[in-house]
């Protein structure tokens, strides 16, 4: 995300961008919730969409796409038409590279929730956390069935050596492409 922000500084986008790195997500989405609560209605109305990139390099990864289009569960609904376009863009990113992806219920565990709660369209990427990788997932994405997507999730071993360089490289491109695309194109309202 930081590298994408650095590169976007050289671009003249159609839409204004804000890059945010939230604190205290694990303690209850404190940073993103505080930010959204401080916005008045006019400021919220200026936010066209929210892209959330949470855990995009898990060591035993899958490629998951989530969004507020309602396709992955009733907890995932926020501005379905606009969110559907974000989800489709991210799914197409993987499909164009012949990489499998799957939609996952976005739920309320990540920093997109405060934005969704006020009706801001969202979508994002996730490579897995404490859930156990199934045999089918291992066949599709490689890695080890029966082991968590991130065996160090919320543990002391979650350090700078705990990631998949392959997943991070692919998803860094997804971050950059999606930010550039939505910076240069408007979603219909």
N, C-alpha and C. Protein backbone atom coordinates (compact mmCIF):
# COMPACT_ATOMS: atom_id res chain seq x y z
N UNK A 1 0.84 -1.19 0.00
CA UNK A 1 0.00 0.00 0.00
C UNK A 1 0.88 1.25 0.00
N UNK A 2 1.92 1.24 0.80
CA UNK A 2 2.82 2.41 0.82
C UNK A 2 3.51 2.61 -0.52
N UNK A 3 3.95 1.54 -1.14
CA UNK A 3 4.60 1.67 -2.45
C UNK A 3 3.60 2.16 -3.50
N UNK A 4 2.38 1.68 -3.44
CA UNK A 4 1.35 2.16 -4.37
C UNK A 4 1.11 3.66 -4.17
N UNK A 5 1.05 4.09 -2.93
CA UNK A 5 0.87 5.53 -2.65
C UNK A 5 2.04 6.32 -3.22
N UNK A 6 3.24 5.81 -3.05
CA UNK A 6 4.43 6.50 -3.56
C UNK A 6 4.37 6.62 -5.09
N UNK A 7 3.98 5.55 -5.76
CA UNK A 7 3.90 5.58 -7.22
C UNK A 7 2.75 6.46 -7.71
N UNK A 8 1.63 6.46 -6.98
CA UNK A 8 0.48 7.26 -7.39
C UNK A 8 0.76 8.76 -7.26
N UNK A 9 1.75 9.13 -6.49
CA UNK A 9 2.12 10.55 -6.37
C UNK A 9 2.59 11.11 -7.71
N UNK A 10 2.96 10.23 -8.65
CA UNK A 10 3.42 10.67 -9.98
C UNK A 10 2.30 10.70 -11.00
N UNK A 11 1.09 10.38 -10.60
CA UNK A 11 -0.06 10.26 -11.50
C UNK A 11 -1.04 11.39 -11.21
N UNK A 12 -1.73 11.85 -12.25
CA UNK A 12 -2.80 12.82 -12.09
C UNK A 12 -4.13 12.09 -12.19
N UNK A 13 -4.65 11.58 -11.07
CA UNK A 13 -5.88 10.78 -11.14
C UNK A 13 -7.13 11.64 -11.35
N UNK A 14 -8.14 11.03 -11.88
CA UNK A 14 -9.44 11.69 -12.03
C UNK A 14 -10.07 11.90 -10.65
N UNK A 15 -9.91 10.93 -9.79
CA UNK A 15 -10.50 10.97 -8.45
C UNK A 15 -9.42 11.20 -7.41
N UNK A 16 -9.77 11.89 -6.37
CA UNK A 16 -8.83 12.10 -5.26
C UNK A 16 -8.67 10.79 -4.49
N UNK A 17 -7.47 10.57 -4.00
CA UNK A 17 -7.17 9.35 -3.25
C UNK A 17 -6.76 9.68 -1.83
N UNK A 18 -7.11 8.78 -0.93
CA UNK A 18 -6.60 8.83 0.44
C UNK A 18 -6.05 7.46 0.74
N UNK A 19 -4.84 7.43 1.23
CA UNK A 19 -4.24 6.17 1.68
C UNK A 19 -4.24 6.19 3.19
N UNK A 20 -4.70 5.12 3.79
CA UNK A 20 -4.78 5.07 5.25
C UNK A 20 -4.26 3.73 5.74
N UNK A 21 -3.47 3.78 6.77
CA UNK A 21 -3.00 2.59 7.46
C UNK A 21 -3.56 2.69 8.87
N UNK A 22 -4.42 1.76 9.23
CA UNK A 22 -5.15 1.86 10.48
C UNK A 22 -4.40 1.22 11.63
N UNK A 23 -4.60 1.78 12.79
CA UNK A 23 -4.08 1.17 14.01
C UNK A 23 -5.21 0.52 14.78
N UNK A 24 -4.88 -0.44 15.60
CA UNK A 24 -5.79 -1.07 16.57
C UNK A 24 -6.94 -1.84 15.93
N UNK A 25 -6.73 -2.42 14.76
CA UNK A 25 -7.77 -3.25 14.17
C UNK A 25 -8.07 -4.44 15.07
N UNK A 26 -7.03 -5.05 15.57
CA UNK A 26 -7.22 -6.26 16.38
C UNK A 26 -7.88 -5.98 17.72
N UNK A 27 -7.89 -4.74 18.16
CA UNK A 27 -8.55 -4.39 19.41
C UNK A 27 -9.97 -3.91 19.19
N UNK A 28 -10.45 -4.00 17.97
CA UNK A 28 -11.83 -3.63 17.71
C UNK A 28 -12.01 -2.60 16.61
N UNK A 29 -11.20 -2.63 15.58
CA UNK A 29 -11.33 -1.71 14.44
C UNK A 29 -11.29 -0.25 14.89
N UNK A 30 -10.46 0.03 15.88
CA UNK A 30 -10.46 1.35 16.51
C UNK A 30 -10.06 2.47 15.57
N UNK A 31 -9.01 2.29 14.79
CA UNK A 31 -8.54 3.36 13.91
C UNK A 31 -9.53 3.71 12.82
N UNK A 32 -10.01 2.70 12.09
CA UNK A 32 -10.95 2.96 11.00
C UNK A 32 -12.30 3.44 11.52
N UNK A 33 -12.74 2.90 12.65
CA UNK A 33 -14.00 3.35 13.23
C UNK A 33 -13.91 4.81 13.66
N UNK A 34 -12.82 5.18 14.29
CA UNK A 34 -12.62 6.57 14.70
C UNK A 34 -12.65 7.50 13.48
N UNK A 35 -11.94 7.10 12.43
CA UNK A 35 -11.88 7.91 11.21
C UNK A 35 -13.28 8.14 10.64
N UNK A 36 -14.04 7.06 10.46
CA UNK A 36 -15.37 7.18 9.85
C UNK A 36 -16.31 7.98 10.75
N UNK A 37 -16.23 7.79 12.05
CA UNK A 37 -17.10 8.54 12.96
C UNK A 37 -16.82 10.03 12.93
N UNK A 38 -15.59 10.42 12.63
CA UNK A 38 -15.23 11.84 12.58
C UNK A 38 -15.71 12.52 11.29
N UNK A 39 -16.11 11.75 10.29
CA UNK A 39 -16.59 12.32 9.03
C UNK A 39 -18.04 12.76 9.18
N UNK A 40 -18.35 13.96 8.70
CA UNK A 40 -19.75 14.35 8.67
C UNK A 40 -20.38 13.78 7.40
N UNK A 41 -21.68 13.97 7.25
CA UNK A 41 -22.40 13.38 6.12
C UNK A 41 -21.84 13.85 4.78
N UNK A 42 -21.48 15.10 4.66
CA UNK A 42 -20.94 15.62 3.41
C UNK A 42 -19.59 14.99 3.10
N UNK A 43 -18.76 14.80 4.10
CA UNK A 43 -17.45 14.17 3.89
C UNK A 43 -17.63 12.70 3.49
N UNK A 44 -18.56 12.00 4.13
CA UNK A 44 -18.81 10.59 3.78
C UNK A 44 -19.30 10.48 2.34
N UNK A 45 -20.13 11.43 1.92
CA UNK A 45 -20.70 11.40 0.57
C UNK A 45 -19.62 11.56 -0.49
N UNK A 46 -18.49 12.15 -0.15
CA UNK A 46 -17.39 12.35 -1.10
C UNK A 46 -16.55 11.10 -1.29
N UNK A 47 -16.72 10.11 -0.44
CA UNK A 47 -15.92 8.87 -0.55
C UNK A 47 -16.65 7.93 -1.49
N UNK A 48 -16.05 7.70 -2.66
CA UNK A 48 -16.68 6.87 -3.67
C UNK A 48 -16.60 5.38 -3.38
N UNK A 49 -15.53 4.96 -2.73
CA UNK A 49 -15.36 3.54 -2.42
C UNK A 49 -14.20 3.37 -1.44
N UNK A 50 -14.15 2.20 -0.87
CA UNK A 50 -13.08 1.85 0.07
C UNK A 50 -12.49 0.52 -0.36
N UNK A 51 -11.19 0.49 -0.57
CA UNK A 51 -10.48 -0.75 -0.89
C UNK A 51 -9.73 -1.20 0.35
N UNK A 52 -9.93 -2.44 0.73
CA UNK A 52 -9.32 -2.98 1.95
C UNK A 52 -8.41 -4.15 1.59
N UNK A 53 -7.16 -4.02 1.96
CA UNK A 53 -6.17 -5.06 1.69
C UNK A 53 -5.64 -5.56 3.03
N UNK A 54 -6.21 -6.66 3.49
CA UNK A 54 -5.96 -7.17 4.83
C UNK A 54 -5.33 -8.55 4.71
N UNK A 55 -4.11 -8.67 5.19
CA UNK A 55 -3.42 -9.96 5.16
C UNK A 55 -3.33 -10.48 3.72
N UNK A 56 -2.50 -9.86 2.92
CA UNK A 56 -2.41 -10.23 1.50
C UNK A 56 -1.18 -11.07 1.16
N UNK A 57 -0.52 -11.58 2.18
CA UNK A 57 0.65 -12.42 1.94
C UNK A 57 0.76 -13.58 2.91
N UNK A 58 -0.38 -14.15 3.31
CA UNK A 58 -0.37 -15.26 4.28
C UNK A 58 0.50 -16.41 3.76
N UNK A 59 1.27 -17.05 4.64
CA UNK A 59 2.24 -18.06 4.20
C UNK A 59 1.62 -19.31 3.57
N UNK A 60 0.43 -19.68 3.95
CA UNK A 60 -0.27 -20.86 3.39
C UNK A 60 -1.53 -20.35 2.69
N UNK A 61 -1.33 -19.41 1.80
CA UNK A 61 -2.38 -18.54 1.26
C UNK A 61 -3.41 -19.20 0.35
N UNK A 62 -4.51 -18.50 0.23
CA UNK A 62 -5.51 -18.63 -0.82
C UNK A 62 -5.71 -17.22 -1.35
N UNK A 63 -6.37 -17.07 -2.48
CA UNK A 63 -6.69 -15.74 -3.00
C UNK A 63 -8.19 -15.53 -2.86
N UNK A 64 -8.56 -14.71 -1.88
CA UNK A 64 -9.96 -14.46 -1.61
C UNK A 64 -10.29 -13.01 -1.92
N UNK A 65 -11.50 -12.81 -2.43
CA UNK A 65 -12.02 -11.49 -2.75
C UNK A 65 -13.29 -11.29 -1.94
N UNK A 66 -13.40 -10.15 -1.31
CA UNK A 66 -14.63 -9.84 -0.59
C UNK A 66 -15.11 -8.46 -0.96
N UNK A 67 -16.38 -8.24 -0.70
CA UNK A 67 -16.95 -6.94 -0.98
C UNK A 67 -18.36 -6.83 -0.47
N UNK A 68 -18.91 -5.66 -0.62
CA UNK A 68 -20.23 -5.38 -0.12
C UNK A 68 -21.34 -5.63 -1.11
N UNK A 69 -21.13 -6.56 -2.03
CA UNK A 69 -22.13 -6.81 -3.06
C UNK A 69 -23.17 -7.84 -2.64
N UNK A 70 -23.03 -8.43 -1.46
CA UNK A 70 -24.00 -9.39 -0.98
C UNK A 70 -23.81 -10.79 -1.52
N UNK A 71 -22.84 -11.00 -2.39
CA UNK A 71 -22.68 -12.32 -3.03
C UNK A 71 -22.08 -13.36 -2.10
N UNK A 72 -21.46 -12.91 -1.02
CA UNK A 72 -20.78 -13.86 -0.15
C UNK A 72 -21.41 -13.91 1.24
N UNK A 73 -22.67 -13.56 1.34
CA UNK A 73 -23.34 -13.65 2.62
C UNK A 73 -24.05 -12.35 2.98
N UNK A 74 -25.05 -12.47 3.82
CA UNK A 74 -25.87 -11.31 4.16
C UNK A 74 -25.12 -10.26 4.95
N UNK A 75 -24.02 -10.62 5.62
CA UNK A 75 -23.24 -9.64 6.37
C UNK A 75 -22.38 -8.78 5.46
N UNK A 76 -22.37 -9.05 4.18
CA UNK A 76 -21.45 -8.39 3.26
C UNK A 76 -22.11 -7.29 2.44
N UNK A 77 -23.28 -6.82 2.86
CA UNK A 77 -24.03 -5.89 2.01
C UNK A 77 -23.76 -4.44 2.37
N UNK A 78 -23.32 -3.68 1.40
CA UNK A 78 -23.16 -2.23 1.50
C UNK A 78 -23.05 -1.70 0.08
N UNK A 79 -24.05 -0.95 -0.35
CA UNK A 79 -24.03 -0.40 -1.71
C UNK A 79 -23.74 -1.49 -2.73
N UNK A 80 -24.64 -2.47 -2.86
CA UNK A 80 -24.35 -3.65 -3.67
C UNK A 80 -23.92 -3.39 -5.11
N UNK A 81 -24.57 -2.46 -5.82
CA UNK A 81 -24.22 -2.26 -7.23
C UNK A 81 -22.78 -1.78 -7.38
N UNK A 82 -22.40 -0.77 -6.62
CA UNK A 82 -21.04 -0.25 -6.73
C UNK A 82 -20.02 -1.26 -6.19
N UNK A 83 -20.34 -1.92 -5.10
CA UNK A 83 -19.42 -2.91 -4.55
C UNK A 83 -19.21 -4.07 -5.51
N UNK A 84 -20.26 -4.44 -6.24
CA UNK A 84 -20.14 -5.53 -7.21
C UNK A 84 -19.08 -5.23 -8.26
N UNK A 85 -18.96 -3.98 -8.65
CA UNK A 85 -17.94 -3.61 -9.64
C UNK A 85 -16.53 -3.76 -9.08
N UNK A 86 -16.37 -3.46 -7.81
CA UNK A 86 -15.06 -3.64 -7.18
C UNK A 86 -14.71 -5.12 -7.12
N UNK A 87 -15.67 -5.92 -6.67
CA UNK A 87 -15.46 -7.37 -6.58
C UNK A 87 -15.12 -7.93 -7.95
N UNK A 88 -15.86 -7.52 -8.97
CA UNK A 88 -15.61 -8.02 -10.33
C UNK A 88 -14.22 -7.64 -10.82
N UNK A 89 -13.80 -6.41 -10.54
CA UNK A 89 -12.46 -5.99 -10.96
C UNK A 89 -11.40 -6.89 -10.32
N UNK A 90 -11.54 -7.14 -9.03
CA UNK A 90 -10.54 -7.95 -8.32
C UNK A 90 -10.56 -9.41 -8.80
N UNK A 91 -11.74 -9.94 -9.03
CA UNK A 91 -11.82 -11.31 -9.57
C UNK A 91 -11.20 -11.38 -10.96
N UNK A 92 -11.45 -10.37 -11.78
CA UNK A 92 -10.86 -10.34 -13.12
C UNK A 92 -9.34 -10.26 -13.06
N UNK A 93 -8.81 -9.54 -12.09
CA UNK A 93 -7.36 -9.46 -11.93
C UNK A 93 -6.76 -10.87 -11.84
N UNK A 94 -7.32 -11.70 -10.98
CA UNK A 94 -6.81 -13.07 -10.83
C UNK A 94 -7.07 -13.90 -12.09
N UNK A 95 -8.28 -13.79 -12.64
CA UNK A 95 -8.63 -14.58 -13.82
C UNK A 95 -7.71 -14.28 -15.00
N UNK A 96 -7.34 -13.02 -15.18
CA UNK A 96 -6.45 -12.65 -16.28
C UNK A 96 -5.06 -13.27 -16.13
N UNK A 97 -4.72 -13.69 -14.94
CA UNK A 97 -3.42 -14.33 -14.67
C UNK A 97 -3.56 -15.84 -14.49
N UNK A 98 -4.74 -16.36 -14.83
CA UNK A 98 -5.03 -17.79 -14.67
C UNK A 98 -4.81 -18.26 -13.24
N UNK A 99 -5.18 -17.41 -12.29
CA UNK A 99 -5.07 -17.75 -10.87
C UNK A 99 -6.47 -17.93 -10.30
N UNK A 100 -6.69 -18.99 -9.56
CA UNK A 100 -8.01 -19.17 -8.96
C UNK A 100 -8.22 -18.16 -7.83
N UNK A 101 -9.46 -17.77 -7.65
CA UNK A 101 -9.84 -16.93 -6.52
C UNK A 101 -11.22 -17.39 -6.08
N UNK A 102 -11.59 -16.97 -4.89
CA UNK A 102 -12.94 -17.27 -4.43
C UNK A 102 -13.46 -16.09 -3.63
N UNK A 103 -14.78 -15.94 -3.66
CA UNK A 103 -15.41 -14.90 -2.86
C UNK A 103 -15.55 -15.41 -1.43
N UNK A 104 -15.35 -14.50 -0.53
CA UNK A 104 -15.45 -14.85 0.88
C UNK A 104 -16.36 -13.83 1.56
N UNK A 105 -17.10 -14.28 2.54
CA UNK A 105 -17.96 -13.39 3.30
C UNK A 105 -17.10 -12.35 3.99
N UNK A 106 -17.39 -11.10 3.74
CA UNK A 106 -16.57 -10.03 4.30
C UNK A 106 -16.81 -9.83 5.79
N UNK A 107 -17.99 -10.14 6.26
CA UNK A 107 -18.27 -10.03 7.68
C UNK A 107 -17.85 -8.69 8.27
N UNK A 108 -17.51 -8.70 9.53
CA UNK A 108 -17.16 -7.46 10.20
C UNK A 108 -15.83 -7.47 10.89
N UNK A 109 -14.92 -8.34 10.45
CA UNK A 109 -13.65 -8.50 11.14
C UNK A 109 -12.56 -7.55 10.68
N UNK A 110 -12.79 -6.77 9.66
CA UNK A 110 -11.71 -5.96 9.12
C UNK A 110 -12.15 -4.51 8.96
N UNK A 111 -11.21 -3.67 8.57
CA UNK A 111 -11.40 -2.21 8.57
C UNK A 111 -12.40 -1.70 7.55
N UNK A 112 -12.94 -2.55 6.69
CA UNK A 112 -13.98 -2.10 5.77
C UNK A 112 -15.32 -1.90 6.49
N UNK A 113 -15.51 -2.55 7.63
CA UNK A 113 -16.82 -2.53 8.30
C UNK A 113 -17.33 -1.13 8.62
N UNK A 114 -16.54 -0.24 9.22
CA UNK A 114 -17.09 1.10 9.49
C UNK A 114 -17.53 1.84 8.23
N UNK A 115 -16.83 1.60 7.12
CA UNK A 115 -17.21 2.22 5.85
C UNK A 115 -18.52 1.61 5.35
N UNK A 116 -18.62 0.30 5.41
CA UNK A 116 -19.84 -0.39 4.99
C UNK A 116 -21.03 0.06 5.82
N UNK A 117 -20.81 0.25 7.10
CA UNK A 117 -21.90 0.64 8.00
C UNK A 117 -22.52 1.98 7.63
N UNK A 118 -21.78 2.82 6.93
CA UNK A 118 -22.34 4.11 6.50
C UNK A 118 -22.64 4.13 5.00
N UNK A 119 -22.65 2.94 4.37
CA UNK A 119 -23.08 2.81 2.99
C UNK A 119 -22.03 3.06 1.93
N UNK A 120 -20.76 3.06 2.30
CA UNK A 120 -19.69 3.29 1.33
C UNK A 120 -19.35 1.96 0.65
N UNK A 121 -19.38 1.90 -0.68
CA UNK A 121 -19.04 0.67 -1.39
C UNK A 121 -17.63 0.22 -1.04
N UNK A 122 -17.43 -1.09 -0.96
CA UNK A 122 -16.10 -1.59 -0.63
C UNK A 122 -15.83 -2.93 -1.29
N UNK A 123 -14.57 -3.25 -1.35
CA UNK A 123 -14.10 -4.55 -1.79
C UNK A 123 -12.68 -4.71 -1.31
N UNK A 124 -12.20 -5.93 -1.37
CA UNK A 124 -10.83 -6.14 -0.90
C UNK A 124 -10.31 -7.53 -1.14
N UNK A 125 -9.09 -7.71 -0.67
CA UNK A 125 -8.37 -8.96 -0.84
C UNK A 125 -7.98 -9.51 0.52
N UNK A 126 -7.88 -10.82 0.59
CA UNK A 126 -7.54 -11.50 1.84
C UNK A 126 -6.92 -12.84 1.47
N UNK A 127 -5.85 -13.22 2.15
CA UNK A 127 -5.21 -14.51 1.86
C UNK A 127 -5.36 -15.51 2.99
N UNK A 128 -6.15 -15.19 4.00
CA UNK A 128 -6.45 -16.14 5.05
C UNK A 128 -5.76 -15.84 6.36
N UNK A 129 -6.37 -16.33 7.43
CA UNK A 129 -5.82 -16.11 8.78
C UNK A 129 -5.76 -17.44 9.51
N UNK A 130 -6.54 -17.59 10.58
CA UNK A 130 -6.43 -18.77 11.44
C UNK A 130 -7.20 -19.98 10.91
N UNK A 131 -8.02 -19.80 9.89
CA UNK A 131 -8.79 -20.92 9.35
C UNK A 131 -7.85 -21.99 8.79
N UNK A 132 -8.30 -23.21 8.84
CA UNK A 132 -7.50 -24.35 8.37
C UNK A 132 -7.72 -24.54 6.87
N UNK A 133 -6.64 -24.69 6.15
CA UNK A 133 -6.70 -24.91 4.70
C UNK A 133 -7.22 -26.32 4.43
N UNK A 134 -8.22 -26.39 3.59
CA UNK A 134 -8.81 -27.69 3.22
C UNK A 134 -7.96 -28.38 2.15
N UNK A 135 -8.25 -29.64 1.95
CA UNK A 135 -7.58 -30.40 0.89
C UNK A 135 -7.89 -29.77 -0.47
N UNK A 136 -9.15 -29.35 -0.66
CA UNK A 136 -9.53 -28.72 -1.92
C UNK A 136 -8.78 -27.41 -2.14
N UNK A 137 -8.63 -26.62 -1.08
CA UNK A 137 -7.88 -25.37 -1.19
C UNK A 137 -6.41 -25.64 -1.51
N UNK A 138 -5.84 -26.66 -0.91
CA UNK A 138 -4.43 -27.00 -1.18
C UNK A 138 -4.26 -27.46 -2.62
N UNK A 139 -5.23 -28.19 -3.14
CA UNK A 139 -5.16 -28.61 -4.54
C UNK A 139 -5.25 -27.41 -5.48
N UNK A 140 -6.03 -26.43 -5.09
CA UNK A 140 -6.25 -25.26 -5.94
C UNK A 140 -5.10 -24.26 -5.87
N UNK A 141 -4.58 -23.98 -4.65
CA UNK A 141 -3.59 -22.94 -4.46
C UNK A 141 -2.22 -23.44 -4.01
N UNK A 142 -2.09 -24.73 -3.80
CA UNK A 142 -0.85 -25.25 -3.23
C UNK A 142 -0.85 -25.05 -1.73
N UNK A 143 0.28 -25.26 -1.12
CA UNK A 143 0.36 -25.12 0.32
C UNK A 143 0.02 -26.43 1.02
N UNK A 144 -0.30 -26.33 2.29
CA UNK A 144 -0.47 -27.52 3.12
C UNK A 144 -1.88 -27.59 3.69
N UNK A 145 -2.61 -28.65 3.30
CA UNK A 145 -3.93 -28.90 3.87
C UNK A 145 -3.78 -29.25 5.35
N UNK A 146 -4.78 -28.89 6.13
CA UNK A 146 -4.76 -29.20 7.55
C UNK A 146 -3.98 -28.21 8.40
N UNK A 147 -3.36 -27.22 7.76
CA UNK A 147 -2.60 -26.18 8.46
C UNK A 147 -3.31 -24.85 8.24
N UNK A 148 -3.21 -23.95 9.18
CA UNK A 148 -3.86 -22.64 9.04
C UNK A 148 -3.27 -21.88 7.85
N UNK A 149 -4.07 -21.00 7.27
CA UNK A 149 -3.56 -20.13 6.21
C UNK A 149 -2.39 -19.31 6.73
N UNK A 150 -2.49 -18.88 7.97
CA UNK A 150 -1.39 -18.18 8.64
C UNK A 150 -1.21 -18.81 10.03
N UNK A 151 -0.33 -19.79 10.13
CA UNK A 151 -0.14 -20.48 11.41
C UNK A 151 0.35 -19.56 12.54
N UNK A 152 0.85 -18.40 12.21
CA UNK A 152 1.35 -17.47 13.22
C UNK A 152 0.36 -16.35 13.53
N UNK A 153 -0.85 -16.43 13.00
CA UNK A 153 -1.86 -15.41 13.24
C UNK A 153 -2.05 -15.19 14.74
N UNK A 154 -1.84 -13.94 15.17
CA UNK A 154 -1.97 -13.54 16.58
C UNK A 154 -1.00 -14.27 17.50
N UNK A 155 0.14 -14.64 16.97
CA UNK A 155 1.14 -15.33 17.79
C UNK A 155 2.47 -14.61 17.66
N UNK A 156 3.38 -14.93 18.55
CA UNK A 156 4.69 -14.27 18.58
C UNK A 156 5.48 -14.51 17.29
N UNK A 157 5.22 -15.60 16.60
CA UNK A 157 5.96 -15.91 15.37
C UNK A 157 5.49 -15.08 14.18
N UNK A 158 4.48 -14.24 14.37
CA UNK A 158 4.01 -13.37 13.29
C UNK A 158 4.97 -12.19 13.17
N UNK A 159 6.00 -12.39 12.34
CA UNK A 159 7.06 -11.40 12.19
C UNK A 159 7.34 -11.19 10.70
N UNK A 160 8.39 -10.48 10.39
CA UNK A 160 8.70 -10.15 8.99
C UNK A 160 9.08 -11.35 8.14
N UNK A 161 9.33 -12.50 8.75
CA UNK A 161 9.64 -13.71 7.98
C UNK A 161 8.39 -14.54 7.71
N UNK A 162 7.26 -14.15 8.26
CA UNK A 162 6.03 -14.93 8.19
C UNK A 162 5.13 -14.44 7.05
N UNK A 163 5.49 -14.78 5.82
CA UNK A 163 4.66 -14.41 4.68
C UNK A 163 5.04 -15.25 3.48
N UNK A 164 4.17 -15.23 2.48
CA UNK A 164 4.45 -15.86 1.19
C UNK A 164 4.86 -14.75 0.23
N UNK A 165 6.10 -14.83 -0.25
CA UNK A 165 6.58 -13.84 -1.21
C UNK A 165 5.76 -13.90 -2.50
N UNK A 166 5.32 -15.08 -2.89
CA UNK A 166 4.51 -15.24 -4.10
C UNK A 166 3.18 -14.53 -3.94
N UNK A 167 2.47 -14.81 -2.85
CA UNK A 167 1.17 -14.17 -2.63
C UNK A 167 1.32 -12.66 -2.51
N UNK A 168 2.33 -12.21 -1.79
CA UNK A 168 2.54 -10.77 -1.63
C UNK A 168 2.85 -10.10 -2.96
N UNK A 169 3.68 -10.73 -3.79
CA UNK A 169 4.01 -10.16 -5.09
C UNK A 169 2.77 -10.03 -5.98
N UNK A 170 1.98 -11.09 -6.04
CA UNK A 170 0.76 -11.07 -6.86
C UNK A 170 -0.21 -10.02 -6.33
N UNK A 171 -0.41 -10.01 -5.03
CA UNK A 171 -1.38 -9.08 -4.46
C UNK A 171 -0.89 -7.64 -4.45
N UNK A 172 0.41 -7.42 -4.40
CA UNK A 172 0.92 -6.06 -4.54
C UNK A 172 0.54 -5.51 -5.90
N UNK A 173 0.60 -6.35 -6.93
CA UNK A 173 0.15 -5.93 -8.26
C UNK A 173 -1.36 -5.67 -8.26
N UNK A 174 -2.12 -6.51 -7.57
CA UNK A 174 -3.57 -6.31 -7.48
C UNK A 174 -3.90 -4.99 -6.79
N UNK A 175 -3.17 -4.68 -5.72
CA UNK A 175 -3.36 -3.41 -5.02
C UNK A 175 -3.11 -2.25 -5.99
N UNK A 176 -1.96 -2.28 -6.64
CA UNK A 176 -1.59 -1.18 -7.54
C UNK A 176 -2.59 -1.04 -8.68
N UNK A 177 -2.96 -2.15 -9.31
CA UNK A 177 -3.88 -2.07 -10.44
C UNK A 177 -5.26 -1.58 -10.03
N UNK A 178 -5.76 -2.06 -8.91
CA UNK A 178 -7.09 -1.65 -8.49
C UNK A 178 -7.11 -0.18 -8.06
N UNK A 179 -6.09 0.26 -7.36
CA UNK A 179 -6.02 1.67 -6.97
C UNK A 179 -5.96 2.55 -8.22
N UNK A 180 -5.11 2.19 -9.16
CA UNK A 180 -5.00 2.98 -10.39
C UNK A 180 -6.31 2.99 -11.16
N UNK A 181 -6.93 1.83 -11.31
CA UNK A 181 -8.19 1.76 -12.06
C UNK A 181 -9.25 2.65 -11.43
N UNK A 182 -9.45 2.52 -10.12
CA UNK A 182 -10.52 3.30 -9.48
C UNK A 182 -10.14 4.77 -9.31
N UNK A 183 -8.86 5.08 -9.37
CA UNK A 183 -8.44 6.48 -9.36
C UNK A 183 -8.75 7.15 -10.70
N UNK A 184 -8.77 6.36 -11.76
CA UNK A 184 -8.94 6.92 -13.10
C UNK A 184 -10.35 6.72 -13.67
N UNK A 185 -11.23 6.02 -12.94
CA UNK A 185 -12.58 5.73 -13.44
C UNK A 185 -13.60 5.95 -12.32
N UNK A 186 -14.75 6.41 -12.69
CA UNK A 186 -15.82 6.62 -11.72
C UNK A 186 -16.75 5.42 -11.70
N UNK A 187 -17.21 5.09 -10.52
CA UNK A 187 -18.26 4.08 -10.40
C UNK A 187 -19.60 4.78 -10.60
N UNK A 188 -20.50 4.18 -11.35
CA UNK A 188 -21.83 4.79 -11.47
C UNK A 188 -22.54 4.74 -10.13
N UNK A 189 -23.25 5.77 -9.82
CA UNK A 189 -23.98 5.83 -8.53
C UNK A 189 -25.42 5.45 -8.72
